[in-house]
Amino acid sequence: MPVQYQESHIESHMHTRKHCSLFDVSHMLQTKVLGKDRVKFIESLLVGDIAELKENQGTLSLFTNDKGGIIDDLIVTNTSDGYLYVVSNAGCAQKDSALMQNKLREFKAA
């Protein structure tokens, strides 16, 4: 999101709804989740039915803690290249990366 909108955030929203807008995610945490159990793994971390995503379809979701509290919001895309593409907030990159790494260790140990 821009630090300052040219007009207002409402006008930006309406433009996007009527036309199209691009958002540069190059500064955000971008993670590829690979492997045969990638859907089961990612669904253990967030809310949403990732298994039902079609190829190249994405969804907004949330990383949650063990009590269901929200840790961060993110977008998950089921790519046609056989991996899940996860984009989460730059400001939470270390926390989100640690969350995924810790869950991966648990997942592999189970």
PDB file of N, CA and C in Angstrom:
ATOM      1  N   MET A   1       0.833  -1.167   0.000  1.00  0.00           N
ATOM      2  CA  MET A   1       0.000   0.000   0.000  1.00  0.00           C
ATOM      3  C   MET A   1       0.881   1.235   0.000  1.00  0.00           C
ATOM      4  N   PRO A   2       0.475   2.229  -0.703  1.00  0.00           N
ATOM      5  CA  PRO A   2       1.299   3.441  -0.736  1.00  0.00           C
ATOM      6  C   PRO A   2       1.302   4.139   0.621  1.00  0.00           C
ATOM      7  N   VAL A   3       2.399   4.815   0.895  1.00  0.00           N
ATOM      8  CA  VAL A   3       2.490   5.595   2.121  1.00  0.00           C
ATOM      9  C   VAL A   3       1.501   6.754   2.059  1.00  0.00           C
ATOM     10  N   GLN A   4       1.336   7.279   0.870  1.00  0.00           N
ATOM     11  CA  GLN A   4       0.396   8.387   0.676  1.00  0.00           C
ATOM     12  C   GLN A   4      -0.369   8.142  -0.624  1.00  0.00           C
ATOM     13  N   TYR A   5      -1.675   8.249  -0.564  1.00  0.00           N
ATOM     14  CA  TYR A   5      -2.507   8.081  -1.746  1.00  0.00           C
ATOM     15  C   TYR A   5      -2.567   9.392  -2.512  1.00  0.00           C
ATOM     16  N   GLN A   6      -2.644   9.283  -3.835  1.00  0.00           N
ATOM     17  CA  GLN A   6      -2.740  10.468  -4.677  1.00  0.00           C
ATOM     18  C   GLN A   6      -4.012  11.251  -4.332  1.00  0.00           C
ATOM     19  N   GLU A   7      -5.127  10.562  -4.242  1.00  0.00           N
ATOM     20  CA  GLU A   7      -6.397  11.195  -3.887  1.00  0.00           C
ATOM     21  C   GLU A   7      -6.800  10.726  -2.484  1.00  0.00           C
ATOM     22  N   SER A   8      -7.398   9.550  -2.413  1.00  0.00           N
ATOM     23  CA  SER A   8      -7.783   8.971  -1.127  1.00  0.00           C
ATOM     24  C   SER A   8      -7.789   7.458  -1.259  1.00  0.00           C
ATOM     25  N   HIS A   9      -7.776   6.772  -0.120  1.00  0.00           N
ATOM     26  CA  HIS A   9      -7.816   5.311  -0.179  1.00  0.00           C
ATOM     27  C   HIS A   9      -9.157   4.822  -0.733  1.00  0.00           C
ATOM     28  N   ILE A  10     -10.210   5.593  -0.560  1.00  0.00           N
ATOM     29  CA  ILE A  10     -11.517   5.208  -1.106  1.00  0.00           C
ATOM     30  C   ILE A  10     -11.494   5.266  -2.631  1.00  0.00           C
ATOM     31  N   GLU A  11     -10.910   6.336  -3.189  1.00  0.00           N
ATOM     32  CA  GLU A  11     -10.809   6.429  -4.645  1.00  0.00           C
ATOM     33  C   GLU A  11      -9.927   5.323  -5.208  1.00  0.00           C
ATOM     34  N   SER A  12      -8.861   4.992  -4.511  1.00  0.00           N
ATOM     35  CA  SER A  12      -7.992   3.895  -4.945  1.00  0.00           C
ATOM     36  C   SER A  12      -8.765   2.572  -4.939  1.00  0.00           C
ATOM     37  N   HIS A  13      -9.525   2.351  -3.897  1.00  0.00           N
ATOM     38  CA  HIS A  13     -10.336   1.141  -3.789  1.00  0.00           C
ATOM     39  C   HIS A  13     -11.339   1.062  -4.940  1.00  0.00           C
ATOM     40  N   MET A  14     -12.021   2.151  -5.210  1.00  0.00           N
ATOM     41  CA  MET A  14     -13.026   2.176  -6.279  1.00  0.00           C
ATOM     42  C   MET A  14     -12.380   1.954  -7.646  1.00  0.00           C
ATOM     43  N   HIS A  15     -11.204   2.526  -7.859  1.00  0.00           N
ATOM     44  CA  HIS A  15     -10.496   2.289  -9.116  1.00  0.00           C
ATOM     45  C   HIS A  15     -10.207   0.800  -9.288  1.00  0.00           C
ATOM     46  N   THR A  16      -9.712   0.175  -8.237  1.00  0.00           N
ATOM     47  CA  THR A  16      -9.387  -1.249  -8.290  1.00  0.00           C
ATOM     48  C   THR A  16     -10.632  -2.077  -8.564  1.00  0.00           C
ATOM     49  N   ARG A  17     -11.739  -1.739  -7.927  1.00  0.00           N
ATOM     50  CA  ARG A  17     -12.983  -2.476  -8.131  1.00  0.00           C
ATOM     51  C   ARG A  17     -13.493  -2.341  -9.568  1.00  0.00           C
ATOM     52  N   LYS A  18     -13.330  -1.158 -10.150  1.00  0.00           N
ATOM     53  CA  LYS A  18     -13.850  -0.910 -11.493  1.00  0.00           C
ATOM     54  C   LYS A  18     -12.882  -1.334 -12.590  1.00  0.00           C
ATOM     55  N   HIS A  19     -11.596  -1.244 -12.318  1.00  0.00           N
ATOM     56  CA  HIS A  19     -10.592  -1.486 -13.353  1.00  0.00           C
ATOM     57  C   HIS A  19      -9.639  -2.593 -12.889  1.00  0.00           C
ATOM     58  N   CYS A  20      -8.470  -2.190 -12.482  1.00  0.00           N
ATOM     59  CA  CYS A  20      -7.463  -3.144 -12.032  1.00  0.00           C
ATOM     60  C   CYS A  20      -6.353  -2.363 -11.336  1.00  0.00           C
ATOM     61  N   SER A  21      -5.673  -3.004 -10.418  1.00  0.00           N
ATOM     62  CA  SER A  21      -4.505  -2.395  -9.772  1.00  0.00           C
ATOM     63  C   SER A  21      -3.456  -3.477  -9.585  1.00  0.00           C
ATOM     64  N   LEU A  22      -2.223  -3.064  -9.550  1.00  0.00           N
ATOM     65  CA  LEU A  22      -1.110  -3.973  -9.295  1.00  0.00           C
ATOM     66  C   LEU A  22      -0.512  -3.657  -7.938  1.00  0.00           C
ATOM     67  N   PHE A  23      -0.009  -4.688  -7.288  1.00  0.00           N
ATOM     68  CA  PHE A  23       0.651  -4.504  -6.011  1.00  0.00           C
ATOM     69  C   PHE A  23       1.991  -5.232  -6.069  1.00  0.00           C
ATOM     70  N   ASP A  24       3.056  -4.527  -5.850  1.00  0.00           N
ATOM     71  CA  ASP A  24       4.411  -5.077  -5.893  1.00  0.00           C
ATOM     72  C   ASP A  24       4.705  -5.794  -4.578  1.00  0.00           C
ATOM     73  N   VAL A  25       4.951  -7.099  -4.644  1.00  0.00           N
ATOM     74  CA  VAL A  25       5.223  -7.882  -3.434  1.00  0.00           C
ATOM     75  C   VAL A  25       6.711  -8.188  -3.258  1.00  0.00           C
ATOM     76  N   SER A  26       7.560  -7.538  -4.039  1.00  0.00           N
ATOM     77  CA  SER A  26       8.986  -7.868  -3.996  1.00  0.00           C
ATOM     78  C   SER A  26       9.621  -7.604  -2.631  1.00  0.00           C
ATOM     79  N   HIS A  27       9.034  -6.727  -1.840  1.00  0.00           N
ATOM     80  CA  HIS A  27       9.574  -6.421  -0.520  1.00  0.00           C
ATOM     81  C   HIS A  27       9.006  -7.339   0.567  1.00  0.00           C
ATOM     82  N   MET A  28       8.097  -8.210   0.206  1.00  0.00           N
ATOM     83  CA  MET A  28       7.404  -9.056   1.180  1.00  0.00           C
ATOM     84  C   MET A  28       8.055 -10.435   1.274  1.00  0.00           C
ATOM     85  N   LEU A  29       7.709 -11.173   2.334  1.00  0.00           N
ATOM     86  CA  LEU A  29       8.193 -12.544   2.481  1.00  0.00           C
ATOM     87  C   LEU A  29       7.462 -13.410   1.463  1.00  0.00           C
ATOM     88  N   GLN A  30       8.216 -14.047   0.576  1.00  0.00           N
ATOM     89  CA  GLN A  30       7.662 -14.925  -0.452  1.00  0.00           C
ATOM     90  C   GLN A  30       8.246 -16.319  -0.240  1.00  0.00           C
ATOM     91  N   THR A  31       7.365 -17.289  -0.055  1.00  0.00           N
ATOM     92  CA  THR A  31       7.797 -18.645   0.280  1.00  0.00           C
ATOM     93  C   THR A  31       7.173 -19.636  -0.681  1.00  0.00           C
ATOM     94  N   LYS A  32       7.985 -20.545  -1.188  1.00  0.00           N
ATOM     95  CA  LYS A  32       7.485 -21.662  -1.994  1.00  0.00           C
ATOM     96  C   LYS A  32       7.414 -22.878  -1.078  1.00  0.00           C
ATOM     97  N   VAL A  33       6.254 -23.501  -1.020  1.00  0.00           N
ATOM     98  CA  VAL A  33       6.060 -24.700  -0.212  1.00  0.00           C
ATOM     99  C   VAL A  33       5.921 -25.862  -1.179  1.00  0.00           C
ATOM    100  N   LEU A  34       6.900 -26.778  -1.119  1.00  0.00           N
ATOM    101  CA  LEU A  34       6.969 -27.895  -2.051  1.00  0.00           C
ATOM    102  C   LEU A  34       6.770 -29.218  -1.333  1.00  0.00           C
ATOM    103  N   GLY A  35       6.538 -30.270  -2.092  1.00  0.00           N
ATOM    104  CA  GLY A  35       6.451 -31.612  -1.544  1.00  0.00           C
ATOM    105  C   GLY A  35       5.043 -32.176  -1.609  1.00  0.00           C
ATOM    106  N   LYS A  36       4.958 -33.481  -1.491  1.00  0.00           N
ATOM    107  CA  LYS A  36       3.662 -34.149  -1.638  1.00  0.00           C
ATOM    108  C   LYS A  36       2.677 -33.780  -0.532  1.00  0.00           C
ATOM    109  N   ASP A  37       3.166 -33.394   0.635  1.00  0.00           N
ATOM    110  CA  ASP A  37       2.299 -33.032   1.758  1.00  0.00           C
ATOM    111  C   ASP A  37       2.194 -31.521   1.956  1.00  0.00           C
ATOM    112  N   ARG A  38       2.488 -30.745   0.905  1.00  0.00           N
ATOM    113  CA  ARG A  38       2.506 -29.283   1.031  1.00  0.00           C
ATOM    114  C   ARG A  38       1.153 -28.713   1.464  1.00  0.00           C
ATOM    115  N   VAL A  39       0.059 -29.273   0.959  1.00  0.00           N
ATOM    116  CA  VAL A  39      -1.268 -28.754   1.321  1.00  0.00           C
ATOM    117  C   VAL A  39      -1.569 -29.079   2.782  1.00  0.00           C
ATOM    118  N   LYS A  40      -1.321 -30.303   3.183  1.00  0.00           N
ATOM    119  CA  LYS A  40      -1.545 -30.705   4.578  1.00  0.00           C
ATOM    120  C   LYS A  40      -0.688 -29.839   5.511  1.00  0.00           C
ATOM    121  N   PHE A  41       0.555 -29.604   5.126  1.00  0.00           N
ATOM    122  CA  PHE A  41       1.451 -28.783   5.936  1.00  0.00           C
ATOM    123  C   PHE A  41       0.920 -27.360   6.087  1.00  0.00           C
ATOM    124  N   ILE A  42       0.599 -26.720   4.973  1.00  0.00           N
ATOM    125  CA  ILE A  42       0.185 -25.316   5.046  1.00  0.00           C
ATOM    126  C   ILE A  42      -1.165 -25.184   5.736  1.00  0.00           C
ATOM    127  N   GLU A  43      -2.046 -26.165   5.547  1.00  0.00           N
ATOM    128  CA  GLU A  43      -3.343 -26.113   6.231  1.00  0.00           C
ATOM    129  C   GLU A  43      -3.200 -26.293   7.740  1.00  0.00           C
ATOM    130  N   SER A  44      -2.076 -26.819   8.199  1.00  0.00           N
ATOM    131  CA  SER A  44      -1.840 -26.936   9.646  1.00  0.00           C
ATOM    132  C   SER A  44      -1.440 -25.598  10.263  1.00  0.00           C
ATOM    133  N   LEU A  45      -1.136 -24.619   9.432  1.00  0.00           N
ATOM    134  CA  LEU A  45      -0.696 -23.300   9.898  1.00  0.00           C
ATOM    135  C   LEU A  45      -1.730 -22.207   9.753  1.00  0.00           C
ATOM    136  N   LEU A  46      -2.697 -22.401   8.892  1.00  0.00           N
ATOM    137  CA  LEU A  46      -3.593 -21.300   8.576  1.00  0.00           C
ATOM    138  C   LEU A  46      -5.028 -21.761   8.454  1.00  0.00           C
ATOM    139  N   VAL A  47      -5.910 -20.789   8.295  1.00  0.00           N
ATOM    140  CA  VAL A  47      -7.317 -21.095   8.073  1.00  0.00           C
ATOM    141  C   VAL A  47      -7.570 -21.075   6.573  1.00  0.00           C
ATOM    142  N   GLY A  48      -8.455 -21.926   6.121  1.00  0.00           N
ATOM    143  CA  GLY A  48      -8.773 -21.947   4.699  1.00  0.00           C
ATOM    144  C   GLY A  48      -8.651 -23.335   4.118  1.00  0.00           C
ATOM    145  N   ASP A  49      -9.398 -23.570   3.071  1.00  0.00           N
ATOM    146  CA  ASP A  49      -9.403 -24.855   2.381  1.00  0.00           C
ATOM    147  C   ASP A  49      -8.477 -24.764   1.173  1.00  0.00           C
ATOM    148  N   ILE A  50      -7.201 -24.913   1.428  1.00  0.00           N
ATOM    149  CA  ILE A  50      -6.193 -24.785   0.379  1.00  0.00           C
ATOM    150  C   ILE A  50      -6.303 -25.943  -0.610  1.00  0.00           C
ATOM    151  N   ALA A  51      -6.721 -27.094  -0.134  1.00  0.00           N
ATOM    152  CA  ALA A  51      -6.856 -28.277  -1.003  1.00  0.00           C
ATOM    153  C   ALA A  51      -7.854 -28.038  -2.133  1.00  0.00           C
ATOM    154  N   GLU A  52      -8.792 -27.142  -1.947  1.00  0.00           N
ATOM    155  CA  GLU A  52      -9.819 -26.886  -2.957  1.00  0.00           C
ATOM    156  C   GLU A  52      -9.428 -25.806  -3.962  1.00  0.00           C
ATOM    157  N   LEU A  53      -8.266 -25.181  -3.790  1.00  0.00           N
ATOM    158  CA  LEU A  53      -7.833 -24.163  -4.754  1.00  0.00           C
ATOM    159  C   LEU A  53      -7.507 -24.817  -6.092  1.00  0.00           C
ATOM    160  N   LYS A  54      -7.990 -24.226  -7.156  1.00  0.00           N
ATOM    161  CA  LYS A  54      -7.635 -24.678  -8.494  1.00  0.00           C
ATOM    162  C   LYS A  54      -6.218 -24.216  -8.809  1.00  0.00           C
ATOM    163  N   GLU A  55      -5.643 -24.757  -9.870  1.00  0.00           N
ATOM    164  CA  GLU A  55      -4.305 -24.309 -10.281  1.00  0.00           C
ATOM    165  C   GLU A  55      -4.325 -22.819 -10.569  1.00  0.00           C
ATOM    166  N   ASN A  56      -3.294 -22.150 -10.091  1.00  0.00           N
ATOM    167  CA  ASN A  56      -3.113 -20.702 -10.260  1.00  0.00           C
ATOM    168  C   ASN A  56      -4.230 -19.880  -9.624  1.00  0.00           C
ATOM    169  N   GLN A  57      -4.860 -20.448  -8.625  1.00  0.00           N
ATOM    170  CA  GLN A  57      -5.878 -19.730  -7.855  1.00  0.00           C
ATOM    171  C   GLN A  57      -5.304 -19.464  -6.475  1.00  0.00           C
ATOM    172  N   GLY A  58      -5.581 -18.286  -5.957  1.00  0.00           N
ATOM    173  CA  GLY A  58      -5.093 -17.916  -4.638  1.00  0.00           C
ATOM    174  C   GLY A  58      -6.222 -17.516  -3.723  1.00  0.00           C
ATOM    175  N   THR A  59      -5.889 -17.402  -2.448  1.00  0.00           N
ATOM    176  CA  THR A  59      -6.867 -16.982  -1.453  1.00  0.00           C
ATOM    177  C   THR A  59      -6.181 -16.213  -0.343  1.00  0.00           C
ATOM    178  N   LEU A  60      -6.898 -15.277   0.218  1.00  0.00           N
ATOM    179  CA  LEU A  60      -6.434 -14.579   1.402  1.00  0.00           C
ATOM    180  C   LEU A  60      -6.668 -15.493   2.588  1.00  0.00           C
ATOM    181  N   SER A  61      -5.711 -15.550   3.499  1.00  0.00           N
ATOM    182  CA  SER A  61      -5.849 -16.417   4.661  1.00  0.00           C
ATOM    183  C   SER A  61      -5.143 -15.781   5.853  1.00  0.00           C
ATOM    184  N   LEU A  62      -5.070 -16.538   6.939  1.00  0.00           N
ATOM    185  CA  LEU A  62      -4.458 -16.066   8.176  1.00  0.00           C
ATOM    186  C   LEU A  62      -3.597 -17.160   8.792  1.00  0.00           C
ATOM    187  N   PHE A  63      -2.376 -16.800   9.204  1.00  0.00           N
ATOM    188  CA  PHE A  63      -1.617 -17.678  10.086  1.00  0.00           C
ATOM    189  C   PHE A  63      -2.265 -17.555  11.456  1.00  0.00           C
ATOM    190  N   THR A  64      -2.475 -18.678  12.119  1.00  0.00           N
ATOM    191  CA  THR A  64      -3.070 -18.647  13.451  1.00  0.00           C
ATOM    192  C   THR A  64      -2.201 -19.387  14.453  1.00  0.00           C
ATOM    193  N   ASN A  65      -2.359 -19.027  15.717  1.00  0.00           N
ATOM    194  CA  ASN A  65      -1.637 -19.734  16.770  1.00  0.00           C
ATOM    195  C   ASN A  65      -2.461 -20.936  17.225  1.00  0.00           C
ATOM    196  N   ASP A  66      -1.967 -21.667  18.210  1.00  0.00           N
ATOM    197  CA  ASP A  66      -2.628 -22.888  18.671  1.00  0.00           C
ATOM    198  C   ASP A  66      -4.002 -22.631  19.273  1.00  0.00           C
ATOM    199  N   LYS A  67      -4.260 -21.400  19.685  1.00  0.00           N
ATOM    200  CA  LYS A  67      -5.560 -21.055  20.268  1.00  0.00           C
ATOM    201  C   LYS A  67      -6.493 -20.410  19.250  1.00  0.00           C
ATOM    202  N   GLY A  68      -6.054 -20.326  17.989  1.00  0.00           N
ATOM    203  CA  GLY A  68      -6.877 -19.744  16.943  1.00  0.00           C
ATOM    204  C   GLY A  68      -6.721 -18.240  16.794  1.00  0.00           C
ATOM    205  N   GLY A  69      -5.815 -17.647  17.563  1.00  0.00           N
ATOM    206  CA  GLY A  69      -5.568 -16.214  17.433  1.00  0.00           C
ATOM    207  C   GLY A  69      -4.811 -15.907  16.150  1.00  0.00           C
ATOM    208  N   ILE A  70      -5.022 -14.722  15.627  1.00  0.00           N
ATOM    209  CA  ILE A  70      -4.392 -14.323  14.368  1.00  0.00           C
ATOM    210  C   ILE A  70      -2.960 -13.873  14.594  1.00  0.00           C
ATOM    211  N   ILE A  71      -2.036 -14.446  13.814  1.00  0.00           N
ATOM    212  CA  ILE A  71      -0.630 -14.055  13.834  1.00  0.00           C
ATOM    213  C   ILE A  71      -0.352 -13.065  12.707  1.00  0.00           C
ATOM    214  N   ASP A  72      -0.833 -13.374  11.507  1.00  0.00           N
ATOM    215  CA  ASP A  72      -0.585 -12.521  10.348  1.00  0.00           C
ATOM    216  C   ASP A  72      -1.548 -12.907   9.232  1.00  0.00           C
ATOM    217  N   ASP A  73      -1.776 -11.983   8.315  1.00  0.00           N
ATOM    218  CA  ASP A  73      -2.549 -12.309   7.126  1.00  0.00           C
ATOM    219  C   ASP A  73      -1.591 -12.593   5.979  1.00  0.00           C
ATOM    220  N   LEU A  74      -2.051 -13.333   4.991  1.00  0.00           N
ATOM    221  CA  LEU A  74      -1.197 -13.762   3.895  1.00  0.00           C
ATOM    222  C   LEU A  74      -2.058 -14.164   2.712  1.00  0.00           C
ATOM    223  N   ILE A  75      -1.406 -14.399   1.595  1.00  0.00           N
ATOM    224  CA  ILE A  75      -2.065 -14.928   0.406  1.00  0.00           C
ATOM    225  C   ILE A  75      -1.365 -16.233   0.026  1.00  0.00           C
ATOM    226  N   VAL A  76      -2.156 -17.245  -0.254  1.00  0.00           N
ATOM    227  CA  VAL A  76      -1.627 -18.541  -0.699  1.00  0.00           C
ATOM    228  C   VAL A  76      -2.155 -18.801  -2.105  1.00  0.00           C
ATOM    229  N   THR A  77      -1.255 -19.151  -3.019  1.00  0.00           N
ATOM    230  CA  THR A  77      -1.628 -19.499  -4.384  1.00  0.00           C
ATOM    231  C   THR A  77      -1.183 -20.924  -4.671  1.00  0.00           C
ATOM    232  N   ASN A  78      -2.088 -21.709  -5.238  1.00  0.00           N
ATOM    233  CA  ASN A  78      -1.763 -23.059  -5.697  1.00  0.00           C
ATOM    234  C   ASN A  78      -1.280 -22.938  -7.140  1.00  0.00           C
ATOM    235  N   THR A  79       0.019 -23.000  -7.340  1.00  0.00           N
ATOM    236  CA  THR A  79       0.576 -22.777  -8.674  1.00  0.00           C
ATOM    237  C   THR A  79       0.437 -24.016  -9.557  1.00  0.00           C
ATOM    238  N   SER A  80       0.493 -23.800 -10.847  1.00  0.00           N
ATOM    239  CA  SER A  80       0.477 -24.914 -11.801  1.00  0.00           C
ATOM    240  C   SER A  80       1.850 -25.576 -11.900  1.00  0.00           C
ATOM    241  N   ASP A  81       2.827 -25.029 -11.173  1.00  0.00           N
ATOM    242  CA  ASP A  81       4.181 -25.592 -11.169  1.00  0.00           C
ATOM    243  C   ASP A  81       4.405 -26.572 -10.020  1.00  0.00           C
ATOM    244  N   GLY A  82       3.338 -26.922  -9.297  1.00  0.00           N
ATOM    245  CA  GLY A  82       3.449 -27.950  -8.268  1.00  0.00           C
ATOM    246  C   GLY A  82       3.919 -27.468  -6.910  1.00  0.00           C
ATOM    247  N   TYR A  83       3.749 -26.202  -6.616  1.00  0.00           N
ATOM    248  CA  TYR A  83       4.073 -25.707  -5.273  1.00  0.00           C
ATOM    249  C   TYR A  83       3.047 -24.668  -4.859  1.00  0.00           C
ATOM    250  N   LEU A  84       3.010 -24.416  -3.555  1.00  0.00           N
ATOM    251  CA  LEU A  84       2.185 -23.339  -3.019  1.00  0.00           C
ATOM    252  C   LEU A  84       3.061 -22.113  -2.872  1.00  0.00           C
ATOM    253  N   TYR A  85       2.546 -20.988  -3.288  1.00  0.00           N
ATOM    254  CA  TYR A  85       3.269 -19.720  -3.209  1.00  0.00           C
ATOM    255  C   TYR A  85       2.597 -18.889  -2.125  1.00  0.00           C
ATOM    256  N   VAL A  86       3.344 -18.610  -1.059  1.00  0.00           N
ATOM    257  CA  VAL A  86       2.817 -17.900   0.100  1.00  0.00           C
ATOM    258  C   VAL A  86       3.470 -16.524   0.170  1.00  0.00           C
ATOM    259  N   VAL A  87       2.651 -15.483   0.252  1.00  0.00           N
ATOM    260  CA  VAL A  87       3.147 -14.115   0.385  1.00  0.00           C
ATOM    261  C   VAL A  87       2.584 -13.546   1.676  1.00  0.00           C
ATOM    262  N   SER A  88       3.486 -13.164   2.586  1.00  0.00           N
ATOM    263  CA  SER A  88       3.051 -12.571   3.851  1.00  0.00           C
ATOM    264  C   SER A  88       3.769 -11.241   4.074  1.00  0.00           C
ATOM    265  N   ASN A  89       3.369 -10.552   5.102  1.00  0.00           N
ATOM    266  CA  ASN A  89       3.813  -9.180   5.345  1.00  0.00           C
ATOM    267  C   ASN A  89       5.305  -9.051   5.620  1.00  0.00           C
ATOM    268  N   ALA A  90       5.906  -8.030   5.020  1.00  0.00           N
ATOM    269  CA  ALA A  90       7.330  -7.766   5.200  1.00  0.00           C
ATOM    270  C   ALA A  90       7.658  -7.496   6.666  1.00  0.00           C
ATOM    271  N   GLY A  91       6.778  -6.779   7.343  1.00  0.00           N
ATOM    272  CA  GLY A  91       7.016  -6.433   8.738  1.00  0.00           C
ATOM    273  C   GLY A  91       6.987  -7.629   9.674  1.00  0.00           C
ATOM    274  N   CYS A  92       6.424  -8.737   9.206  1.00  0.00           N
ATOM    275  CA  CYS A  92       6.325  -9.961  10.011  1.00  0.00           C
ATOM    276  C   CYS A  92       7.189 -11.082   9.437  1.00  0.00           C
ATOM    277  N   ALA A  93       8.109 -10.753   8.554  1.00  0.00           N
ATOM    278  CA  ALA A  93       8.877 -11.773   7.827  1.00  0.00           C
ATOM    279  C   ALA A  93       9.612 -12.726   8.768  1.00  0.00           C
ATOM    280  N   GLN A  94      10.302 -12.199   9.758  1.00  0.00           N
ATOM    281  CA  GLN A  94      11.048 -13.077  10.672  1.00  0.00           C
ATOM    282  C   GLN A  94      10.108 -13.966  11.470  1.00  0.00           C
ATOM    283  N   LYS A  95       9.028 -13.389  11.969  1.00  0.00           N
ATOM    284  CA  LYS A  95       8.059 -14.147  12.758  1.00  0.00           C
ATOM    285  C   LYS A  95       7.385 -15.221  11.902  1.00  0.00           C
ATOM    286  N   ASP A  96       6.979 -14.860  10.684  1.00  0.00           N
ATOM    287  CA  ASP A  96       6.298 -15.814   9.810  1.00  0.00           C
ATOM    288  C   ASP A  96       7.239 -16.932   9.358  1.00  0.00           C
ATOM    289  N   SER A  97       8.465 -16.570   9.039  1.00  0.00           N
ATOM    290  CA  SER A  97       9.451 -17.567   8.627  1.00  0.00           C
ATOM    291  C   SER A  97       9.735 -18.545   9.771  1.00  0.00           C
ATOM    292  N   ALA A  98       9.905 -18.022  10.979  1.00  0.00           N
ATOM    293  CA  ALA A  98      10.146 -18.877  12.146  1.00  0.00           C
ATOM    294  C   ALA A  98       8.952 -19.799  12.397  1.00  0.00           C
ATOM    295  N   LEU A  99       7.749 -19.270  12.241  1.00  0.00           N
ATOM    296  CA  LEU A  99       6.539 -20.073  12.418  1.00  0.00           C
ATOM    297  C   LEU A  99       6.540 -21.251  11.444  1.00  0.00           C
ATOM    298  N   MET A 100       6.826 -20.980  10.176  1.00  0.00           N
ATOM    299  CA  MET A 100       6.829 -22.048   9.173  1.00  0.00           C
ATOM    300  C   MET A 100       7.954 -23.048   9.424  1.00  0.00           C
ATOM    301  N   GLN A 101       9.137 -22.566   9.793  1.00  0.00           N
ATOM    302  CA  GLN A 101      10.259 -23.466  10.061  1.00  0.00           C
ATOM    303  C   GLN A 101       9.990 -24.360  11.274  1.00  0.00           C
ATOM    304  N   ASN A 102       9.444 -23.779  12.339  1.00  0.00           N
ATOM    305  CA  ASN A 102       9.120 -24.570  13.535  1.00  0.00           C
ATOM    306  C   ASN A 102       8.060 -25.617  13.228  1.00  0.00           C
ATOM    307  N   LYS A 103       7.035 -25.234  12.473  1.00  0.00           N
ATOM    308  CA  LYS A 103       5.980 -26.181  12.125  1.00  0.00           C
ATOM    309  C   LYS A 103       6.530 -27.280  11.210  1.00  0.00           C
ATOM    310  N   LEU A 104       7.471 -26.920  10.328  1.00  0.00           N
ATOM    311  CA  LEU A 104       8.080 -27.919   9.452  1.00  0.00           C
ATOM    312  C   LEU A 104       8.830 -28.969  10.265  1.00  0.00           C
ATOM    313  N   ARG A 105       9.557 -28.534  11.292  1.00  0.00           N
ATOM    314  CA  ARG A 105      10.261 -29.496  12.164  1.00  0.00           C
ATOM    315  C   ARG A 105       9.256 -30.433  12.837  1.00  0.00           C
ATOM    316  N   GLU A 106       8.165 -29.879  13.356  1.00  0.00           N
ATOM    317  CA  GLU A 106       7.111 -30.704  13.978  1.00  0.00           C
ATOM    318  C   GLU A 106       6.506 -31.661  12.966  1.00  0.00           C
ATOM    319  N   PHE A 107       6.248 -31.147  11.793  1.00  0.00           N
ATOM    320  CA  PHE A 107       5.606 -31.913  10.727  1.00  0.00           C
ATOM    321  C   PHE A 107       6.476 -33.105  10.330  1.00  0.00           C
ATOM    322  N   LYS A 108       7.775 -32.862  10.197  1.00  0.00           N
ATOM    323  CA  LYS A 108       8.693 -33.938   9.806  1.00  0.00           C
ATOM    324  C   LYS A 108       8.852 -34.964  10.906  1.00  0.00           C
ATOM    325  N   ALA A 109       8.757 -34.538  12.165  1.00  0.00           N
ATOM    326  CA  ALA A 109       8.931 -35.439  13.306  1.00  0.00           C
ATOM    327  C   ALA A 109       7.717 -36.339  13.516  1.00  0.00           C
ATOM    328  N   ALA A 110       6.570 -35.921  13.044  1.00  0.00           N
ATOM    329  CA  ALA A 110       5.318 -36.671  13.281  1.00  0.00           C
ATOM    330  C   ALA A 110       5.227 -37.920  12.419  1.00  0.00           C
TER     331      ALA A 110
END
